[in-house]
Amino acid sequence: MPEISRFFGIVVQMYYADHDPPHFHVRYAGQKALISIENLAVLRGALSSRALGLVTEWAALHREELMQDWILARAEAQLNPIAPLE
C-alpha cells in the first residue's frame, strides 16, 4: 500500500484498485482508520481525537490532491506524494 504522506507520526496510505467510496487509510500509534475523502468521516476504525483532528485538518487542505491520487490508485498508476501538515 503506497504511502502518500507522513506527519507527526501519522501515516497516510491508499490501496491500489480499492473499493468505493473514495477514501484513504491512516495509521497512528497502533490505531487504524479509513477516512472518506468526500466528507472526511471515519468509515471504519478509530483514531484518538488529537490524531483525527490533525488528519481532518490535513485532508481538508489536500482534498483535491487526495481525489487525484484516488483516481490514480484505481487505475493502478503511481501515486503522487502529498505535502505533510506542518
Protein backbone atom coordinates (compact mmCIF):
# COMPACT_ATOMS: atom_id res chain seq x y z
CA MET A 1 0.00 0.00 0.00
CA PRO A 2 1.68 3.22 -1.13
CA GLU A 3 2.36 5.90 1.46
CA ILE A 4 1.25 9.32 0.26
CA SER A 5 2.07 11.42 3.33
CA ARG A 6 3.54 11.24 6.84
CA PHE A 7 3.39 13.85 9.60
CA PHE A 8 3.57 13.83 13.42
CA GLY A 9 3.82 10.02 13.37
CA ILE A 10 0.66 9.71 11.24
CA VAL A 11 1.00 7.62 8.08
CA VAL A 12 -1.47 8.17 5.22
CA GLN A 13 -1.80 5.48 2.55
CA MET A 14 -4.03 4.32 -0.30
CA TYR A 15 -4.56 0.84 -1.71
CA TYR A 16 -4.42 0.25 -5.43
CA ALA A 17 -7.78 -0.67 -7.03
CA ASP A 18 -9.57 -0.12 -3.70
CA HIS A 19 -13.36 -0.19 -3.23
CA ASP A 20 -15.69 2.82 -3.25
CA PRO A 21 -16.35 5.28 -1.67
CA PRO A 22 -13.14 7.26 -2.24
CA HIS A 23 -11.09 7.08 0.96
CA PHE A 24 -7.61 6.88 2.43
CA HIS A 25 -6.08 4.77 5.19
CA VAL A 26 -4.47 6.24 8.30
CA ARG A 27 -2.17 4.56 10.84
CA TYR A 28 -1.04 6.16 14.07
CA ALA A 29 0.38 4.57 17.24
CA GLY A 30 -1.34 1.22 16.68
CA GLN A 31 -4.60 2.85 15.61
CA LYS A 32 -6.08 2.48 12.13
CA ALA A 33 -8.90 4.22 10.29
CA LEU A 34 -10.40 4.64 6.83
CA ILE A 35 -11.38 8.25 6.12
CA SER A 36 -13.79 9.39 3.41
CA ILE A 37 -12.30 11.94 1.04
CA GLU A 38 -15.70 13.48 0.31
CA ASN A 39 -16.81 14.36 3.83
CA LEU A 40 -13.76 13.37 5.95
CA ALA A 41 -15.88 11.00 8.04
CA VAL A 42 -14.37 7.91 9.62
CA LEU A 43 -15.67 4.96 7.58
CA ARG A 44 -14.03 2.25 9.67
CA GLY A 45 -11.69 2.05 12.62
CA ALA A 46 -10.86 4.81 15.08
CA LEU A 47 -8.21 7.40 15.88
CA SER A 48 -7.62 9.41 19.03
CA SER A 49 -9.32 12.80 18.93
CA ARG A 50 -5.96 14.56 18.55
CA ALA A 51 -4.85 12.37 15.62
CA LEU A 52 -8.26 12.63 13.96
CA GLY A 53 -8.14 16.40 14.27
CA LEU A 54 -4.73 16.56 12.61
CA VAL A 55 -5.80 14.17 9.83
CA THR A 56 -9.00 16.13 9.22
CA GLU A 57 -7.11 19.42 9.05
CA TRP A 58 -4.57 17.94 6.62
CA ALA A 59 -7.20 16.27 4.43
CA ALA A 60 -9.30 19.44 4.19
CA LEU A 61 -6.24 21.26 2.82
CA HIS A 62 -5.47 18.49 0.31
CA ARG A 63 -8.88 17.12 -0.72
CA GLU A 64 -8.29 17.74 -4.44
CA GLU A 65 -4.89 16.01 -4.33
CA LEU A 66 -6.43 13.09 -2.43
CA MET A 67 -9.06 12.68 -5.15
CA GLN A 68 -6.36 12.78 -7.84
CA ASP A 69 -4.45 10.05 -6.00
CA TRP A 70 -7.68 8.06 -5.60
CA ILE A 71 -8.18 8.12 -9.39
CA LEU A 72 -4.55 7.09 -9.92
CA ALA A 73 -4.86 4.27 -7.37
CA ARG A 74 -7.99 2.94 -9.05
CA ALA A 75 -6.01 2.84 -12.32
CA GLU A 76 -3.08 1.18 -10.50
CA ALA A 77 -0.85 4.10 -11.51
CA GLN A 78 1.89 5.67 -9.41
CA LEU A 79 0.50 7.93 -6.68
CA ASN A 80 1.74 11.43 -6.01
CA PRO A 81 3.10 12.32 -2.56
CA ILE A 82 1.10 14.96 -0.69
CA ALA A 83 2.79 17.56 1.50
CA PRO A 84 2.60 16.84 5.23
CA LEU A 85 0.88 19.02 7.78
CA GLU A 86 3.39 21.43 9.29
